[in-house]
Amino acid sequence: MAKKIVLALVAAVFLIGGLVSCKKAESVASYKIGVVVAQTGNYAGLGSQFLEGMQLMVDNVNGAGGVNGIPLEVMIYDNKSEATEATLAAKKLIEVDQVHVLIEGTVTAIGMTIVPLANESGVPTVILSGTGLLDDQLGAWVFRPAGTEDNYIAKSLDYMSQELGISKYATLIENSGYGQGGKVYLPQRSPDYGMTIVEEQYFDPGATDLTPQLTNIKNSEAQLIFVWGSSPTAGMAVKQARELGISLPIMATPPQVMPDMLASFGESYEVEPPLLATTTKMDIWEQLPDSDRYKALCRDFVQLFMERYDHRPSLWQMLGAQYITFIEDGLKRAEITSTDVAEIRSQLRDALESTKDLQLLTSIYTMSPEDHFGQVEQTLVIVTFKDGEMVYLP
């Protein structure tokens, strides 16, 4: 009898162990990605572009079997182009939908509003922001594998100084979170290139008449105008400058050469002297030398995007795709075995923070506890415009 009891106990131990083992090996049905993006309001155009690139990459990942056999599930909420709505949407995704990771894919001012919530709730979050001014406010849980104005300021100022011989220029800067970077960095960096800002002017997103600002610039000693903004008003500034007979060279930032801007203001961009701008290598990948390591990567993405949407991708569409790739890479390395939401969030956060030498469409990224931006190299290029095309200026 005693022998039978011992054998029964041993069997029970093995059975319990097996059950525990099975439980440990259990996996989630999907990795839930909560997305807060503008689908209505002033930034709806940018939001819809971001979603196109993001959904393309989600479908591509799932079509290949998901991440370690687990599909990505996307839950999208409209922030209505408002910071308050973004926070409310993020809160619902975190507390009700129990997402594993958040994305805010609109603009800096809206993305930064969910940073405190993400850190307080312990949810890995990726925000779309184009300024490095706020990187020290990201906290332990927020990442932004995008670009920074400090990089393309260097590219722009170097070209202005070395190729154009500019020593004095004017700035026309948007009053926005994005514009704040130009307001801060341009005066700081210009002396390094032997240049002085002789006139500073500002405009609000949505403004329809920049005649006063442009007239002040026209009457200054400026040899060039640096227009800095992400709203359609920034593109309109170029058009109105030419209509006022201002023939100074104009330098622009990457958002000003997105497809919707080109559709609206492309003719003005070609008026002599044609617009100069910084942009991503994706926009001119055909003109890159074969030795450029970004050429094949950009080519493959553009072709994949065009097969689905029948038009070239924009910066926001590229970033939508890039953010999914960044999260996918983190999930692959996280080696998640738990089904507990908090544990998955924590493991993914740690994996994202340990990202190393990850080549994305805009650059190579290496994260660390001290750096949740992580861009390793500057890859933007200078372009101009001719016959309806963007022309690379090596």
Protein backbone atom coordinates (compact mmCIF):
# COMPACT_ATOMS: atom_id res chain seq x y z
CA MET A 1 0.00 0.00 0.00
CA ALA A 2 2.79 2.38 0.97
CA LYS A 3 4.51 1.67 -2.35
CA LYS A 4 1.31 2.50 -4.23
CA ILE A 5 0.94 5.79 -2.32
CA VAL A 6 4.53 6.75 -3.14
CA LEU A 7 4.03 5.97 -6.82
CA ALA A 8 0.81 7.97 -6.83
CA LEU A 9 2.58 10.94 -5.27
CA VAL A 10 5.40 10.71 -7.80
CA ALA A 11 2.88 10.61 -10.64
CA ALA A 12 1.08 13.60 -9.18
CA VAL A 13 4.33 15.53 -8.98
CA PHE A 14 5.08 14.79 -12.63
CA LEU A 15 1.53 15.74 -13.62
CA ILE A 16 1.71 19.04 -11.74
CA GLY A 17 5.14 19.71 -13.17
CA GLY A 18 3.83 19.03 -16.64
CA LEU A 19 0.93 21.41 -16.10
CA VAL A 20 3.26 24.11 -14.79
CA SER A 21 5.57 23.53 -17.74
CA CYS A 22 2.67 23.88 -20.16
CA LYS A 23 1.58 27.04 -18.44
CA LYS A 24 5.05 28.55 -18.76
CA ALA A 25 5.10 27.74 -22.45
CA GLU A 26 1.70 29.33 -23.00
CA SER A 27 1.77 32.35 -25.31
CA VAL A 28 -0.55 35.24 -26.06
CA ALA A 29 -2.92 35.03 -29.03
CA SER A 30 -1.51 38.26 -30.43
CA TYR A 31 0.75 41.17 -29.61
CA LYS A 32 -1.55 44.15 -29.16
CA ILE A 33 -0.35 47.47 -30.55
CA GLY A 34 -2.41 50.50 -29.56
CA VAL A 35 -2.21 53.35 -32.06
CA VAL A 36 -3.28 56.93 -31.33
CA VAL A 37 -3.29 59.01 -34.50
CA ALA A 38 -5.18 61.88 -36.10
CA GLN A 39 -7.98 60.67 -38.37
CA THR A 40 -9.98 63.89 -38.13
CA GLY A 41 -9.02 67.51 -37.49
CA ASN A 42 -6.08 69.61 -38.70
CA TYR A 43 -3.56 66.75 -38.73
CA ALA A 44 -5.80 64.11 -40.32
CA GLY A 45 -3.73 64.17 -43.50
CA LEU A 46 -0.56 63.29 -41.61
CA GLY A 47 -2.38 60.67 -39.55
CA SER A 48 -3.79 58.89 -42.59
CA GLN A 49 -0.33 58.79 -44.15
CA PHE A 50 1.19 57.34 -40.99
CA LEU A 51 -1.51 54.65 -40.88
CA GLU A 52 -0.86 53.61 -44.49
CA GLY A 53 2.80 52.90 -43.84
CA MET A 54 2.09 51.26 -40.50
CA GLN A 55 -0.65 48.96 -41.82
CA LEU A 56 1.49 47.95 -44.78
CA MET A 57 4.24 46.75 -42.46
CA VAL A 58 1.82 45.07 -40.03
CA ASP A 59 0.32 43.08 -42.91
CA ASN A 60 3.80 42.26 -44.16
CA VAL A 61 4.84 40.92 -40.74
CA ASN A 62 1.64 38.92 -40.28
CA GLY A 63 1.84 37.60 -43.82
CA ALA A 64 5.25 36.16 -42.97
CA GLY A 65 3.90 34.36 -39.91
CA GLY A 66 3.93 37.13 -37.31
CA VAL A 67 6.63 37.60 -34.69
CA ASN A 68 7.89 34.22 -33.50
CA GLY A 69 4.62 32.78 -34.76
CA ILE A 70 2.41 35.35 -33.00
CA PRO A 71 0.46 37.90 -35.09
CA LEU A 72 0.39 41.64 -34.52
CA GLU A 73 -3.03 43.05 -33.62
CA VAL A 74 -3.51 46.77 -34.14
CA MET A 75 -6.10 48.85 -32.29
CA ILE A 76 -6.48 52.38 -33.69
CA TYR A 77 -8.05 55.39 -31.94
CA ASP A 78 -8.57 58.86 -33.39
CA ASN A 79 -6.98 61.67 -31.37
CA LYS A 80 -8.99 64.22 -33.41
CA SER A 81 -5.80 66.27 -33.75
CA GLU A 82 -6.09 67.29 -30.10
CA ALA A 83 -3.74 66.62 -27.18
CA THR A 84 -6.55 65.95 -24.70
CA GLU A 85 -8.15 63.39 -26.99
CA ALA A 86 -4.78 61.71 -27.47
CA THR A 87 -4.38 61.25 -23.72
CA LEU A 88 -7.92 59.89 -23.33
CA ALA A 89 -7.41 57.45 -26.19
CA ALA A 90 -4.07 56.27 -24.80
CA LYS A 91 -5.61 55.77 -21.36
CA LYS A 92 -8.36 53.57 -22.82
CA LEU A 93 -5.89 51.52 -24.84
CA ILE A 94 -3.77 50.97 -21.73
CA GLU A 95 -6.47 50.27 -19.17
CA VAL A 96 -9.36 48.79 -21.15
CA ASP A 97 -7.80 47.22 -24.23
CA GLN A 98 -4.69 46.12 -22.33
CA VAL A 99 -2.31 46.77 -25.23
CA HIS A 100 1.30 45.66 -24.94
CA VAL A 101 2.79 48.71 -26.67
CA LEU A 102 1.58 52.18 -27.72
CA ILE A 103 2.29 54.30 -30.79
CA GLU A 104 1.43 57.99 -31.14
CA GLY A 105 1.85 58.88 -34.80
CA THR A 106 0.85 62.49 -35.37
CA VAL A 107 3.10 65.42 -34.40
CA THR A 108 5.44 66.41 -31.57
CA ALA A 109 2.98 68.52 -29.57
CA ILE A 110 0.42 65.70 -29.42
CA GLY A 111 2.88 62.86 -28.97
CA MET A 112 4.53 64.46 -25.96
CA THR A 113 1.21 64.73 -24.11
CA ILE A 114 1.01 60.96 -23.61
CA VAL A 115 4.58 60.65 -22.30
CA PRO A 116 3.65 61.10 -18.60
CA LEU A 117 0.81 58.56 -18.90
CA ALA A 118 3.05 56.02 -20.62
CA ASN A 119 5.67 56.28 -17.91
CA GLU A 120 3.18 56.22 -15.03
CA SER A 121 1.39 53.19 -16.52
CA GLY A 122 4.55 51.29 -17.43
CA VAL A 123 3.73 50.84 -21.13
CA PRO A 124 6.44 50.90 -23.83
CA THR A 125 5.50 53.74 -26.16
CA VAL A 126 6.86 55.00 -29.46
CA ILE A 127 6.04 58.61 -30.36
CA LEU A 128 6.40 60.58 -33.55
CA SER A 129 8.47 63.64 -32.75
CA GLY A 130 10.96 65.49 -34.88
CA THR A 131 12.75 67.43 -32.16
CA GLY A 132 15.63 66.49 -29.91
CA LEU A 133 14.78 69.29 -27.49
CA LEU A 134 12.48 67.02 -25.51
CA ASP A 135 14.50 63.80 -25.47
CA ASP A 136 15.41 64.29 -21.82
CA GLN A 137 11.68 64.17 -21.02
CA LEU A 138 10.95 60.79 -22.62
CA GLY A 139 11.50 58.82 -19.43
CA ALA A 140 12.10 55.08 -19.09
CA TRP A 141 9.19 53.89 -21.22
CA VAL A 142 9.08 56.15 -24.28
CA PHE A 143 11.15 55.92 -27.49
CA ARG A 144 11.33 57.96 -30.70
CA PRO A 145 13.35 56.26 -33.49
CA ALA A 146 12.88 59.11 -35.96
CA GLY A 147 14.95 62.18 -36.81
CA THR A 148 16.19 65.31 -35.12
CA GLU A 149 16.46 68.87 -36.33
CA ASP A 150 20.04 69.14 -35.12
CA ASN A 151 21.09 66.69 -37.85
CA TYR A 152 19.45 68.39 -40.79
CA ILE A 153 20.39 71.82 -39.52
CA ALA A 154 24.01 70.75 -39.88
CA LYS A 155 23.36 69.47 -43.41
CA SER A 156 21.50 72.63 -44.42
CA LEU A 157 23.93 75.11 -42.88
CA ASP A 158 26.93 73.36 -44.38
CA TYR A 159 25.38 73.56 -47.86
CA MET A 160 24.38 77.19 -47.38
CA SER A 161 27.88 78.13 -46.29
CA GLN A 162 30.05 75.95 -48.53
CA GLU A 163 28.01 75.77 -51.74
CA LEU A 164 26.14 79.09 -51.71
CA GLY A 165 28.56 81.30 -49.78
CA ILE A 166 25.82 82.61 -47.50
CA SER A 167 26.88 84.73 -44.52
CA LYS A 168 23.55 86.40 -43.59
CA TYR A 169 20.12 84.84 -43.73
CA ALA A 170 16.55 85.20 -42.47
CA THR A 171 14.38 82.64 -40.70
CA LEU A 172 10.63 82.13 -41.14
CA ILE A 173 9.61 79.63 -38.48
CA GLU A 174 6.32 77.95 -37.61
CA ASN A 175 4.93 78.48 -34.11
CA SER A 176 4.70 74.80 -33.15
CA GLY A 177 6.52 72.07 -31.27
CA TYR A 178 8.35 71.25 -34.48
CA GLY A 179 9.19 74.89 -35.13
CA GLN A 180 10.66 75.27 -31.66
CA GLY A 181 13.64 73.20 -32.76
CA GLY A 182 14.49 75.69 -35.50
CA LYS A 183 14.03 78.60 -33.14
CA VAL A 184 16.52 77.11 -30.68
CA TYR A 185 19.09 75.32 -32.83
CA LEU A 186 19.53 77.69 -35.81
CA PRO A 187 20.92 80.60 -33.73
CA GLN A 188 23.10 78.17 -31.78
CA ARG A 189 24.64 76.46 -34.81
CA SER A 190 24.90 79.27 -37.36
CA PRO A 191 28.10 80.85 -35.94
CA ASP A 192 29.85 77.48 -36.39
CA TYR A 193 29.35 77.95 -40.14
CA GLY A 194 30.26 81.63 -40.24
CA MET A 195 26.66 82.77 -40.64
CA THR A 196 24.40 85.27 -38.90
CA ILE A 197 20.60 85.43 -38.72
CA VAL A 198 19.68 89.02 -39.61
CA GLU A 199 15.89 88.71 -39.54
CA GLU A 200 13.60 86.38 -37.55
CA GLN A 201 9.93 85.97 -38.48
CA TYR A 202 7.24 83.53 -37.29
CA PHE A 203 3.89 82.21 -38.51
CA ASP A 204 1.04 80.15 -37.11
CA PRO A 205 0.00 76.82 -38.68
CA GLY A 206 -3.09 77.59 -40.70
CA ALA A 207 -2.14 81.21 -41.45
CA THR A 208 -3.14 82.27 -44.98
CA ASP A 209 -1.17 85.47 -45.52
CA LEU A 210 2.54 85.84 -44.75
CA THR A 211 2.97 89.13 -46.61
CA PRO A 212 4.03 91.12 -43.51
CA GLN A 213 6.68 88.59 -42.52
CA LEU A 214 8.01 88.23 -46.06
CA THR A 215 8.09 91.98 -46.58
CA ASN A 216 10.25 92.40 -43.48
CA ILE A 217 12.61 89.74 -44.82
CA LYS A 218 12.67 91.37 -48.26
CA ASN A 219 13.74 94.66 -46.67
CA SER A 220 16.51 93.03 -44.61
CA GLU A 221 20.11 92.18 -45.50
CA ALA A 222 19.29 88.47 -45.79
CA GLN A 223 20.89 86.52 -48.64
CA LEU A 224 18.63 83.47 -48.11
CA ILE A 225 15.39 82.53 -46.35
CA PHE A 226 15.24 79.43 -44.15
CA VAL A 227 11.56 78.39 -43.97
CA TRP A 228 10.91 75.96 -41.13
CA GLY A 229 7.55 74.23 -40.65
CA SER A 230 5.40 71.15 -41.14
CA SER A 231 2.00 72.67 -41.97
CA PRO A 232 0.80 73.64 -45.47
CA THR A 233 1.50 77.25 -44.51
CA ALA A 234 5.22 76.44 -44.73
CA GLY A 235 4.79 75.45 -48.36
CA MET A 236 2.59 78.47 -49.01
CA ALA A 237 5.41 80.68 -47.72
CA VAL A 238 7.52 79.74 -50.75
CA LYS A 239 4.67 80.51 -53.13
CA GLN A 240 3.94 83.89 -51.58
CA ALA A 241 7.63 84.82 -51.50
CA ARG A 242 7.87 84.31 -55.25
CA GLU A 243 4.62 86.21 -55.83
CA LEU A 244 6.13 89.15 -53.93
CA GLY A 245 9.12 89.11 -56.26
CA ILE A 246 11.55 87.80 -53.66
CA SER A 247 14.31 86.04 -55.59
CA LEU A 248 16.44 84.92 -52.64
CA PRO A 249 17.34 81.24 -52.34
CA ILE A 250 15.00 79.40 -49.96
CA MET A 251 15.98 76.43 -47.78
CA ALA A 252 13.24 74.13 -46.42
CA THR A 253 12.83 71.25 -43.98
CA PRO A 254 11.75 67.63 -44.77
CA PRO A 255 7.97 68.02 -44.14
CA GLN A 256 7.81 70.72 -46.81
CA VAL A 257 8.67 68.27 -49.58
CA MET A 258 6.07 65.61 -48.80
CA PRO A 259 3.77 64.62 -51.71
CA ASP A 260 0.80 66.73 -50.59
CA MET A 261 3.04 69.79 -50.33
CA LEU A 262 4.50 69.13 -53.77
CA ALA A 263 1.01 68.75 -55.23
CA SER A 264 -0.01 72.12 -53.82
CA PHE A 265 3.16 74.17 -54.19
CA GLY A 266 5.43 72.24 -56.56
CA GLU A 267 5.27 74.88 -59.32
CA SER A 268 6.42 77.56 -56.89
CA TYR A 269 9.26 75.32 -55.76
CA GLU A 270 10.68 75.42 -59.30
CA VAL A 271 10.67 79.21 -59.71
CA GLU A 272 14.24 80.46 -60.01
CA PRO A 273 16.16 80.01 -57.86
CA PRO A 274 14.43 76.67 -57.16
CA LEU A 275 13.76 75.57 -53.60
CA LEU A 276 16.46 73.75 -51.65
CA ALA A 277 15.51 71.27 -48.94
CA THR A 278 16.72 68.44 -46.77
CA THR A 279 14.91 65.13 -47.15
CA THR A 280 15.33 61.41 -46.67
CA LYS A 281 17.21 59.12 -49.02
CA MET A 282 13.95 57.30 -49.70
CA ASP A 283 12.75 60.28 -51.76
CA ILE A 284 15.65 60.03 -54.21
CA TRP A 285 16.75 56.40 -53.83
CA GLU A 286 17.00 55.95 -57.63
CA GLN A 287 19.68 58.66 -57.74
CA LEU A 288 21.85 57.15 -55.01
CA PRO A 289 25.01 55.29 -55.97
CA ASP A 290 24.79 51.50 -55.74
CA SER A 291 27.40 51.62 -52.98
CA ASP A 292 24.97 53.46 -50.65
CA ARG A 293 23.69 50.89 -48.13
CA TYR A 294 20.31 52.61 -47.89
CA LYS A 295 19.56 52.29 -51.60
CA ALA A 296 18.32 48.69 -51.58
CA LEU A 297 16.42 49.16 -48.32
CA CYS A 298 14.61 52.25 -49.63
CA ARG A 299 13.99 50.65 -53.02
CA ASP A 300 12.36 47.59 -51.48
CA PHE A 301 10.08 49.66 -49.26
CA VAL A 302 9.05 52.07 -52.02
CA GLN A 303 8.25 49.19 -54.37
CA LEU A 304 6.28 47.33 -51.69
CA PHE A 305 4.36 50.51 -50.86
CA MET A 306 3.59 51.33 -54.49
CA GLU A 307 2.34 47.82 -55.20
CA ARG A 308 -0.32 48.38 -52.57
CA TYR A 309 -1.15 52.08 -52.82
CA ASP A 310 -0.05 53.00 -56.37
CA HIS A 311 1.80 56.15 -55.30
CA ARG A 312 5.14 56.96 -53.70
CA PRO A 313 5.37 57.01 -49.91
CA SER A 314 5.84 60.18 -47.89
CA LEU A 315 7.93 60.81 -44.78
CA TRP A 316 4.97 60.04 -42.49
CA GLN A 317 4.21 56.79 -44.33
CA MET A 318 7.84 55.78 -44.06
CA LEU A 319 7.83 56.51 -40.31
CA GLY A 320 4.63 54.51 -39.83
CA ALA A 321 6.36 51.50 -41.37
CA GLN A 322 9.59 52.17 -39.48
CA TYR A 323 7.89 52.20 -36.09
CA ILE A 324 6.38 48.77 -36.70
CA THR A 325 9.79 47.43 -37.73
CA PHE A 326 11.30 48.88 -34.55
CA ILE A 327 8.65 47.17 -32.39
CA GLU A 328 8.91 43.91 -34.36
CA ASP A 329 12.66 43.81 -33.74
CA GLY A 330 12.09 44.35 -30.02
CA LEU A 331 9.46 41.61 -29.82
CA LYS A 332 11.76 39.15 -31.58
CA ARG A 333 14.52 39.75 -29.05
CA ALA A 334 12.32 39.97 -25.96
CA GLU A 335 11.81 36.17 -25.80
CA ILE A 336 8.37 36.62 -24.26
CA THR A 337 6.94 33.48 -22.65
CA SER A 338 4.40 35.02 -20.26
CA THR A 339 0.78 35.94 -20.96
CA ASP A 340 0.74 38.55 -18.21
CA VAL A 341 0.29 42.00 -19.76
CA ALA A 342 2.55 43.79 -17.27
CA GLU A 343 5.34 41.25 -17.77
CA ILE A 344 5.09 41.50 -21.57
CA ARG A 345 5.22 45.30 -21.38
CA SER A 346 8.28 45.19 -19.17
CA GLN A 347 10.12 42.61 -21.29
CA LEU A 348 9.39 44.55 -24.46
CA ARG A 349 10.54 47.82 -22.91
CA ASP A 350 13.85 46.20 -21.93
CA ALA A 351 14.26 44.79 -25.43
CA LEU A 352 13.57 48.15 -27.10
CA GLU A 353 16.09 49.83 -24.81
CA SER A 354 18.73 47.27 -25.82
CA THR A 355 18.23 47.86 -29.56
CA LYS A 356 21.65 47.83 -31.19
CA ASP A 357 22.76 48.70 -34.73
CA LEU A 358 19.24 48.35 -36.13
CA GLN A 359 19.13 49.72 -39.67
CA LEU A 360 15.82 51.38 -40.39
CA LEU A 361 14.75 53.49 -43.34
CA THR A 362 15.98 56.78 -41.87
CA SER A 363 19.14 55.71 -40.07
CA ILE A 364 20.81 53.15 -37.82
CA TYR A 365 19.61 53.11 -34.21
CA THR A 366 21.21 52.00 -30.95
CA MET A 367 19.21 52.66 -27.78
CA SER A 368 20.46 52.81 -24.20
CA PRO A 369 19.09 53.74 -20.76
CA GLU A 370 20.42 57.26 -21.36
CA ASP A 371 19.30 57.57 -25.00
CA HIS A 372 15.82 56.63 -26.27
CA PHE A 373 16.37 58.43 -29.59
CA GLY A 374 19.37 56.39 -30.57
CA GLN A 375 20.17 57.66 -34.06
CA VAL A 376 23.74 56.69 -34.89
CA GLU A 377 24.32 58.55 -38.16
CA GLN A 378 22.96 61.46 -40.17
CA THR A 379 21.55 60.30 -43.52
CA LEU A 380 19.54 63.22 -44.90
CA VAL A 381 20.35 64.70 -48.31
CA ILE A 382 19.97 68.08 -50.02
CA VAL A 383 17.59 68.25 -53.00
CA THR A 384 16.20 70.82 -55.41
CA PHE A 385 13.36 70.72 -57.97
CA LYS A 386 13.23 70.66 -61.76
CA ASP A 387 10.59 69.58 -64.30
CA GLY A 388 8.32 68.19 -61.63
CA GLU A 389 11.05 66.04 -60.11
CA MET A 390 13.15 66.07 -56.97
CA VAL A 391 16.86 66.35 -57.88
CA TYR A 392 19.58 65.03 -55.57
CA LEU A 393 22.48 67.40 -54.91
CA PRO A 394 25.38 65.17 -53.71
